[in-house]
Protein backbone atom coordinates (compact mmCIF):
# COMPACT_ATOMS: atom_id res chain seq x y z
CA MET A 1 -46.11 -0.18 29.27
CA ARG A 2 -44.69 -2.03 32.24
CA ILE A 3 -44.03 -4.81 29.88
CA LEU A 4 -41.69 -2.74 27.92
CA SER A 5 -39.34 -2.28 30.82
CA LYS A 6 -39.28 -6.06 31.44
CA LEU A 7 -38.32 -6.51 27.81
CA THR A 8 -35.55 -3.85 28.07
CA SER A 9 -34.20 -5.51 31.17
CA CYS A 10 -34.69 -9.13 30.31
CA HIS A 11 -34.98 -9.15 26.52
CA SER A 12 -37.89 -11.54 26.53
CA LEU A 13 -41.07 -11.43 24.20
CA LEU A 14 -39.21 -9.83 21.33
CA LEU A 15 -42.08 -9.30 19.01
CA LEU A 16 -44.08 -7.35 21.73
CA LEU A 17 -41.02 -5.17 22.23
CA LEU A 18 -40.66 -4.24 18.48
CA ALA A 19 -44.26 -3.40 18.37
CA ALA A 20 -43.93 -1.27 21.43
CA ILE A 21 -40.99 0.56 19.89
CA ALA A 22 -42.84 1.24 16.66
CA GLY A 23 -45.45 2.93 18.93
CA LEU A 24 -42.86 4.80 20.90
CA SER A 25 -41.25 6.45 17.77
CA ALA A 26 -43.86 9.23 17.84
CA CYS A 27 -42.72 10.19 21.35
CA ARG A 28 -39.47 11.88 20.29
CA LYS A 29 -39.87 14.84 18.05
CA GLY A 30 -37.20 14.87 15.35
CA ASN A 31 -33.61 13.63 15.65
CA GLY A 32 -32.11 16.86 17.24
CA ILE A 33 -30.22 17.05 20.53
CA ILE A 34 -32.59 16.94 23.60
CA PRO A 35 -32.04 20.18 25.45
CA GLY A 36 -30.70 19.95 29.06
CA GLU A 37 -31.88 21.88 31.98
CA GLU A 38 -30.47 23.07 35.27
CA THR A 39 -32.55 22.91 38.52
CA GLN A 40 -31.64 24.10 41.95
CA VAL A 41 -32.56 21.17 44.15
CA GLY A 42 -30.08 21.19 47.14
CA GLU A 43 -28.11 23.49 49.28
CA PRO A 44 -24.54 24.41 47.98
CA ASP A 45 -21.79 22.29 49.75
CA THR A 46 -18.29 23.07 48.76
CA LEU A 47 -16.84 20.17 50.81
CA ARG A 48 -18.57 17.34 48.68
CA ASN A 49 -18.28 16.23 45.19
CA GLY A 50 -21.26 15.23 42.96
CA PHE A 51 -22.54 12.37 41.13
CA TYR A 52 -23.65 11.21 37.76
CA LEU A 53 -27.07 9.51 36.85
CA LEU A 54 -27.30 7.41 33.66
CA ASN A 55 -30.90 7.24 32.21
CA GLU A 56 -31.24 4.03 30.25
CA GLY A 57 -33.80 5.30 27.62
CA ASN A 58 -36.24 2.99 25.75
CA MET A 59 -34.63 0.39 23.50
CA GLY A 60 -34.24 1.23 19.93
CA MET A 61 -34.73 5.03 20.48
CA ASN A 62 -31.07 6.19 21.35
CA LEU A 63 -32.56 8.06 24.27
CA SER A 64 -29.93 7.16 26.87
CA THR A 65 -28.83 10.37 28.52
CA LEU A 66 -26.40 11.48 31.46
CA ASP A 67 -27.36 13.83 34.27
CA TYR A 68 -25.00 15.31 36.93
CA TYR A 69 -25.73 16.73 40.39
CA ASP A 70 -23.18 19.40 41.44
CA ARG A 71 -22.99 19.51 45.17
CA SER A 72 -20.84 22.61 45.19
CA THR A 73 -23.89 24.54 43.79
CA GLY A 74 -26.89 22.27 44.70
CA ILE A 75 -27.87 22.28 41.00
CA TYR A 76 -29.00 19.22 39.05
CA LYS A 77 -27.97 19.30 35.44
CA SER A 78 -29.94 17.09 32.91
CA ASN A 79 -28.57 15.66 29.55
CA ILE A 80 -25.04 16.94 29.83
CA TYR A 81 -23.54 14.40 27.52
CA SER A 82 -25.02 15.81 24.25
CA GLN A 83 -23.99 19.37 25.28
CA ILE A 84 -20.45 18.50 26.13
CA ASN A 85 -19.95 16.13 23.36
CA PRO A 86 -22.05 17.69 20.43
CA GLY A 87 -20.27 15.92 17.73
CA ALA A 88 -21.22 12.47 19.20
CA THR A 89 -23.19 10.21 16.76
CA LYS A 90 -26.71 9.56 17.93
CA GLU A 91 -25.86 11.40 21.30
CA LEU A 92 -24.86 8.83 24.12
CA GLY A 93 -26.64 5.74 22.44
CA ASP A 94 -29.17 3.06 22.87
CA VAL A 95 -29.92 1.72 26.47
CA GLY A 96 -27.43 2.86 29.12
CA ASN A 97 -27.21 -0.23 31.16
CA ASP A 98 -24.40 0.71 33.74
CA ILE A 99 -21.95 3.31 34.76
CA GLY A 100 -18.82 3.38 37.00
CA ILE A 101 -15.86 5.63 37.87
CA TYR A 102 -12.35 4.42 38.22
CA GLY A 103 -9.36 6.71 38.57
CA SER A 104 -10.06 9.80 36.60
CA LYS A 105 -12.33 8.12 34.07
CA LEU A 106 -16.18 7.57 33.89
CA TYR A 107 -17.36 4.52 32.08
CA ALA A 108 -20.84 4.33 30.52
CA VAL A 109 -21.97 0.86 29.44
CA ILE A 110 -24.42 1.36 26.42
CA ASN A 111 -25.98 -2.07 25.97
CA MET A 112 -27.65 -2.05 22.49
CA SER A 113 -24.98 0.23 21.01
CA ASP A 114 -22.34 -2.45 21.86
CA LYS A 115 -19.90 0.05 23.33
CA VAL A 116 -18.55 1.37 26.58
CA ASP A 117 -18.01 5.10 26.39
CA VAL A 118 -14.95 6.39 28.42
CA LEU A 119 -15.36 10.11 29.63
CA ASP A 120 -13.27 12.39 31.77
CA ALA A 121 -14.83 11.92 35.21
CA HIS A 122 -14.66 15.51 35.89
CA SER A 123 -15.66 17.18 32.54
CA ALA A 124 -17.74 14.31 31.14
CA LYS A 125 -15.82 14.86 27.79
CA ARG A 126 -15.62 11.68 25.88
CA ILE A 127 -11.96 10.35 25.58
CA GLY A 128 -12.44 6.91 24.18
CA GLN A 129 -14.52 4.10 23.47
CA ILE A 130 -14.57 0.17 23.88
CA SER A 131 -16.54 -2.02 21.59
CA ILE A 132 -18.07 -4.99 23.41
CA ARG A 133 -21.13 -6.77 21.94
CA ASN A 134 -24.39 -6.61 23.92
CA CYS A 135 -22.42 -5.33 27.00
CA ARG A 136 -24.20 -5.21 30.32
CA TYR A 137 -22.32 -4.38 33.46
CA ILE A 138 -18.83 -3.08 34.56
CA THR A 139 -16.55 -3.37 37.64
CA PHE A 140 -12.84 -2.73 38.25
CA TYR A 141 -9.81 -4.47 39.71
CA LYS A 142 -6.05 -3.58 39.82
CA GLY A 143 -6.00 -1.21 36.83
CA LYS A 144 -8.44 -3.30 34.66
CA ALA A 145 -12.11 -2.89 33.90
CA TYR A 146 -14.29 -6.03 33.58
CA VAL A 147 -17.40 -5.95 31.41
CA SER A 148 -20.05 -8.63 31.12
CA SER A 149 -21.37 -9.50 27.68
CA TYR A 150 -24.25 -11.41 26.39
CA ALA A 151 -22.19 -12.21 23.11
CA ALA A 152 -25.48 -12.52 21.26
CA THR A 153 -28.12 -10.79 19.25
CA ILE A 154 -31.02 -9.40 21.17
CA GLY A 155 -33.75 -12.00 22.00
CA ASP A 156 -31.69 -14.99 20.52
CA ALA A 157 -33.30 -17.92 22.27
CA SER A 158 -30.49 -20.14 21.02
CA ALA A 159 -27.73 -17.96 22.36
CA GLY A 160 -24.88 -19.76 24.00
CA ALA A 161 -22.44 -18.69 26.77
CA GLY A 162 -21.71 -15.15 27.43
CA TYR A 163 -18.28 -13.70 28.60
CA ILE A 164 -16.46 -11.34 30.74
CA ALA A 165 -13.95 -9.00 28.88
CA GLU A 166 -10.87 -7.78 30.79
CA VAL A 167 -10.07 -4.08 29.56
CA ASP A 168 -6.90 -2.16 29.95
CA THR A 169 -7.96 1.12 31.47
CA ALA A 170 -4.99 2.91 30.05
CA THR A 171 -5.24 1.76 26.41
CA PHE A 172 -8.88 0.70 26.26
CA GLN A 173 -7.84 -2.53 24.60
CA ILE A 174 -9.47 -5.96 25.51
CA LEU A 175 -6.80 -7.98 27.02
CA ARG A 176 -8.45 -11.35 27.82
CA THR A 177 -11.95 -12.89 27.94
CA VAL A 178 -13.43 -15.63 29.93
CA THR A 179 -16.53 -17.77 29.10
CA VAL A 180 -19.35 -17.95 31.80
CA GLY A 181 -23.01 -18.63 31.79
CA ARG A 182 -25.71 -17.59 29.36
CA GLN A 183 -26.59 -13.94 29.46
CA PRO A 184 -24.24 -12.76 32.35
CA GLU A 185 -25.53 -9.74 34.26
CA GLU A 186 -23.86 -7.75 37.28
CA MET A 187 -20.54 -8.71 39.04
CA ALA A 188 -18.85 -8.21 42.21
CA ILE A 189 -15.21 -8.71 43.29
CA VAL A 190 -14.23 -10.24 46.63
CA GLY A 191 -10.63 -10.77 47.34
CA ASP A 192 -9.23 -12.15 44.14
CA LYS A 193 -12.43 -13.76 42.89
CA LEU A 194 -15.03 -12.28 40.54
CA TYR A 195 -18.74 -13.26 40.97
CA ILE A 196 -21.07 -13.07 37.89
CA ALA A 197 -24.84 -13.62 37.92
CA ASN A 198 -25.95 -15.79 35.01
CA SER A 199 -29.62 -15.16 33.87
CA GLY A 200 -30.37 -17.12 30.68
CA GLY A 201 -32.93 -14.39 30.12
CA TYR A 202 -33.11 -14.99 26.37
CA SER A 203 -34.65 -18.34 26.71
CA PRO A 204 -37.59 -18.51 29.30
CA PRO A 205 -38.43 -20.86 31.00
CA ARG A 206 -34.83 -22.30 30.39
CA TYR A 207 -33.23 -19.83 32.63
CA GLU A 208 -29.70 -20.07 33.94
CA ARG A 209 -29.51 -20.47 37.76
CA THR A 210 -25.77 -20.23 38.53
CA VAL A 211 -23.28 -17.64 39.73
CA SER A 212 -19.88 -17.96 37.99
CA VAL A 213 -16.67 -17.68 39.99
CA VAL A 214 -13.56 -16.50 38.23
CA ASP A 215 -10.05 -16.51 39.62
CA MET A 216 -8.72 -13.06 38.95
CA ASN A 217 -5.09 -14.28 38.81
CA THR A 218 -5.63 -16.89 36.18
CA PHE A 219 -8.77 -15.33 34.72
CA LYS A 220 -10.37 -18.78 34.51
CA GLU A 221 -13.83 -19.87 35.78
CA THR A 222 -13.29 -22.21 38.73
CA LYS A 223 -16.75 -22.94 39.81
CA ARG A 224 -20.51 -22.28 39.24
CA ILE A 225 -22.61 -21.90 42.30
CA ASP A 226 -26.26 -23.14 42.03
CA VAL A 227 -28.51 -20.34 43.32
CA ALA A 228 -31.88 -19.81 41.64
CA ILE A 229 -33.34 -18.97 38.17
CA ASN A 230 -32.86 -15.72 36.27
CA LEU A 231 -30.21 -14.04 38.47
CA HIS A 232 -29.46 -10.39 38.13
CA ARG A 233 -27.83 -8.22 40.69
CA VAL A 234 -24.77 -9.03 42.67
CA LYS A 235 -23.31 -6.87 45.64
CA ALA A 236 -20.57 -7.63 48.10
CA ASP A 237 -20.75 -6.58 51.82
CA LYS A 238 -17.60 -5.96 54.05
CA TYR A 239 -17.94 -9.29 55.71
CA GLY A 240 -16.96 -11.40 52.66
CA ASP A 241 -20.47 -12.29 51.59
CA VAL A 242 -22.17 -11.76 48.18
CA TYR A 243 -25.90 -10.78 47.87
CA VAL A 244 -27.55 -12.00 44.57
CA THR A 245 -31.03 -11.34 43.32
CA SER A 246 -33.22 -13.80 41.45
CA ARG A 247 -35.99 -12.29 39.22
CA GLY A 248 -38.06 -15.44 39.20
CA ASP A 249 -40.14 -16.25 36.11
CA TYR A 250 -42.70 -13.35 36.56
CA TYR A 251 -45.48 -15.94 37.01
CA ASN A 252 -45.21 -18.61 39.76
CA ILE A 253 -41.61 -18.40 40.86
CA HIS A 254 -41.12 -15.23 42.78
CA SER A 255 -38.16 -12.92 43.04
CA LYS A 256 -35.89 -13.56 46.06
CA LEU A 257 -32.49 -12.50 47.64
CA TYR A 258 -29.62 -14.99 48.39
CA VAL A 259 -26.46 -14.68 50.28
CA ILE A 260 -23.21 -16.45 49.14
CA ASP A 261 -20.29 -17.23 51.58
CA THR A 262 -17.30 -16.41 49.43
CA GLN A 263 -14.87 -18.44 51.65
CA LYS A 264 -16.84 -21.66 50.98
CA ASP A 265 -18.46 -20.42 47.66
CA ILE A 266 -21.87 -21.83 48.68
CA VAL A 267 -25.32 -20.23 49.40
CA LYS A 268 -25.47 -19.65 53.15
CA ASP A 269 -28.78 -17.87 53.38
CA SER A 270 -31.75 -16.44 51.61
CA PHE A 271 -34.58 -13.95 52.29
CA ASN A 272 -38.21 -14.58 51.33
CA LEU A 273 -38.09 -11.03 49.93
CA ALA A 274 -38.62 -9.82 46.43
CA ALA A 275 -35.46 -7.85 45.26
CA SER A 276 -34.98 -5.93 42.10
CA ASN A 277 -31.82 -4.04 43.18
CA LEU A 278 -29.87 -3.22 46.24
CA ALA A 279 -27.28 -0.87 47.61
CA ILE A 280 -24.96 -1.78 50.55
CA ALA A 281 -23.77 1.00 52.88
CA GLY A 282 -22.01 -0.10 56.16
CA ASP A 283 -24.02 -2.82 57.81
CA SER A 284 -27.15 -2.01 55.89
CA ALA A 285 -28.50 -3.37 52.53
CA TYR A 286 -31.22 -1.24 51.07
CA VAL A 287 -33.35 -3.43 48.90
CA TYR A 288 -36.19 -2.25 46.65
CA SER A 289 -38.44 -4.34 44.49
CA ALA A 290 -40.81 -3.71 41.64
CA GLU A 291 -41.70 -7.31 41.11
CA TRP A 292 -43.81 -7.66 37.91
CA SER A 293 -46.26 -10.60 37.65
CA TYR A 294 -47.88 -11.54 34.16
CA ILE A 295 -50.72 -13.16 36.23
CA THR A 296 -51.80 -10.03 37.90
CA ASN A 297 -50.31 -7.51 35.31
CA LYS A 298 -48.94 -5.30 37.99
CA ASN A 299 -45.79 -4.55 40.01
CA THR A 300 -45.61 -5.45 43.80
CA VAL A 301 -43.25 -2.70 45.31
CA SER A 302 -41.34 -2.80 48.53
CA TYR A 303 -38.48 -1.08 50.24
CA ALA A 304 -36.64 -3.18 52.75
CA ILE A 305 -33.40 -2.83 54.87
CA ILE A 306 -31.43 -5.94 55.79
CA ASN A 307 -28.62 -5.99 58.34
CA VAL A 308 -25.76 -7.73 56.50
CA LYS A 309 -23.80 -8.30 59.77
CA ASN A 310 -26.40 -10.48 61.31
CA GLU A 311 -28.39 -11.26 58.19
CA THR A 312 -31.79 -10.07 59.49
CA LYS A 313 -34.46 -7.85 58.07
CA VAL A 314 -34.66 -4.40 59.78
CA THR A 315 -37.67 -2.93 58.17
CA ASP A 316 -40.14 -3.45 55.28
CA ASN A 317 -39.96 0.31 54.28
CA PHE A 318 -36.87 2.57 54.51
CA ILE A 319 -39.03 5.50 53.18
CA THR A 320 -40.71 6.72 56.33
CA ASP A 321 -42.69 9.81 55.32
CA GLY A 322 -45.26 8.28 52.94
CA VAL A 323 -43.45 9.46 49.80
CA ASP A 324 -43.16 5.90 48.57
CA LYS A 325 -46.86 6.17 47.68
CA GLU A 326 -45.77 8.84 44.90
CA ILE A 327 -43.23 6.45 43.33
CA LYS A 328 -44.93 4.45 40.61
CA THR A 329 -41.89 2.27 39.53
CA PRO A 330 -38.74 2.25 41.58
CA TYR A 331 -35.92 1.57 39.16
CA GLY A 332 -32.51 2.65 40.66
CA ILE A 333 -30.97 3.17 44.11
CA ALA A 334 -27.84 4.39 45.54
CA ILE A 335 -26.57 5.50 49.00
CA ASP A 336 -24.50 8.77 49.48
CA PRO A 337 -21.05 7.65 50.65
CA GLU A 338 -20.59 10.66 52.61
CA ASN A 339 -23.79 11.43 54.49
CA GLY A 340 -26.01 8.32 54.01
CA ASP A 341 -28.65 10.02 51.95
CA ILE A 342 -30.82 7.52 49.94
CA TYR A 343 -31.42 8.07 46.31
CA VAL A 344 -34.25 6.22 44.52
CA THR A 345 -35.46 6.78 40.95
CA ASP A 346 -38.82 6.39 39.48
CA ALA A 347 -39.23 5.11 35.83
CA LYS A 348 -42.90 5.98 35.98
CA ASN A 349 -44.53 4.34 32.89
CA TYR A 350 -41.18 3.99 31.03
CA LEU A 351 -42.21 6.61 28.43
CA LEU A 352 -42.27 9.82 30.28
CA PRO A 353 -39.16 11.40 32.04
CA GLY A 354 -38.39 9.79 35.36
CA THR A 355 -37.88 11.41 38.77
CA LEU A 356 -34.96 11.18 41.16
CA TYR A 357 -35.81 11.27 44.76
CA CYS A 358 -33.27 12.15 47.57
CA PHE A 359 -34.15 10.88 51.01
CA SER A 360 -32.34 11.48 54.28
CA LYS A 361 -30.78 8.51 56.09
CA ALA A 362 -33.89 8.54 58.26
CA GLY A 363 -35.99 7.98 55.17
CA ARG A 364 -37.58 11.43 54.84
CA LYS A 365 -37.61 13.39 51.51
CA ARG A 366 -35.11 16.16 51.03
CA TRP A 367 -35.77 16.91 47.36
CA SER A 368 -36.85 15.44 44.02
CA VAL A 369 -36.15 16.32 40.35
CA THR A 370 -37.15 15.33 36.89
CA ALA A 371 -34.51 13.10 35.36
CA GLY A 372 -34.37 11.48 31.90
CA ASN A 373 -36.13 8.45 30.42
CA ILE A 374 -35.79 5.39 32.72
CA PRO A 375 -33.28 6.88 35.34
CA ALA A 376 -31.25 4.06 36.73
CA HIS A 377 -27.48 4.05 37.29
CA PHE A 378 -25.29 6.12 39.66
CA ALA A 379 -21.55 6.89 39.86
CA PHE A 380 -20.34 9.25 42.72
CA ILE A 381 -17.17 11.22 41.98
CA PRO A 382 -14.67 10.59 44.81
CA ARG A 383 -13.02 13.45 46.62
């Protein structure tokens, strides 16, 4: 079932996906609310806030769920959305693709449900909803939310350009849109410029290979930077650079990590390193990869650290106690903004509930807990 995850992420080979979904339908008993659980995993800490974890859920199953780690008690709470919002139709929705906190609000991007749910960041009670077709990722800038959209039906190989929607965070109304490349993915803002990874994932091997640059003052695309095929993740460091991942073609073109100089808007460096996702904290970029190959029919997994100040690789494995051998399919990553703890999720076979691991900054396991189906995206509540 590793193929299913690639389909969920990249929307390729639609017929295989539909067949997989048909087989998966038996995995969920009935249409009732999935009961949540509370698990003591950490020590109570009254000085620090918690975080949310969005579980993607398999496509077509409405299995996306929201978990919460309460630092004040050390308790991990699963599937809180359905309990707090019992009247919500089909619970949280179909494929939770991104999550973010801005001000007092929590935004959950639900890809195949064509919506962004807006929740109170402290209670997780739903307070609004934004309708955006095939929405993907979200970021924020000067009182506005910016959401990437494929602007197309799933798997449409003839799909044209996608767009970025500018949303008023007070009214939840879409104010403006700007056209970018085909199937735009993650975004990052540096100064007054927005950088967007264009994937073209609906039409392999005719992938996109550019990062769109949008001027935030005019909300116009000013440039497309040629990088590599099938781009996905975009993260900014504190030195004015943007790190971009390329997923390759899953055959002979491998995944790779690139660095864009945002002063010149050119690719300044690259790493011969497979990269599925990364989290940057201070001078360190924690990069994990589960690089799938249709030639070998398996993932190649790695956990590297890159020093973003001098752009050198520090280590090939930031998990130092051997627990990486227990993780079947790394799928999400985050760094605790207060103590540097490393969070890694395991999607396992994409069917069973996943696992969330917490490692110390030194790479040693602190605790683990069962999460939802395909745990992936984090949002830390600021103090």
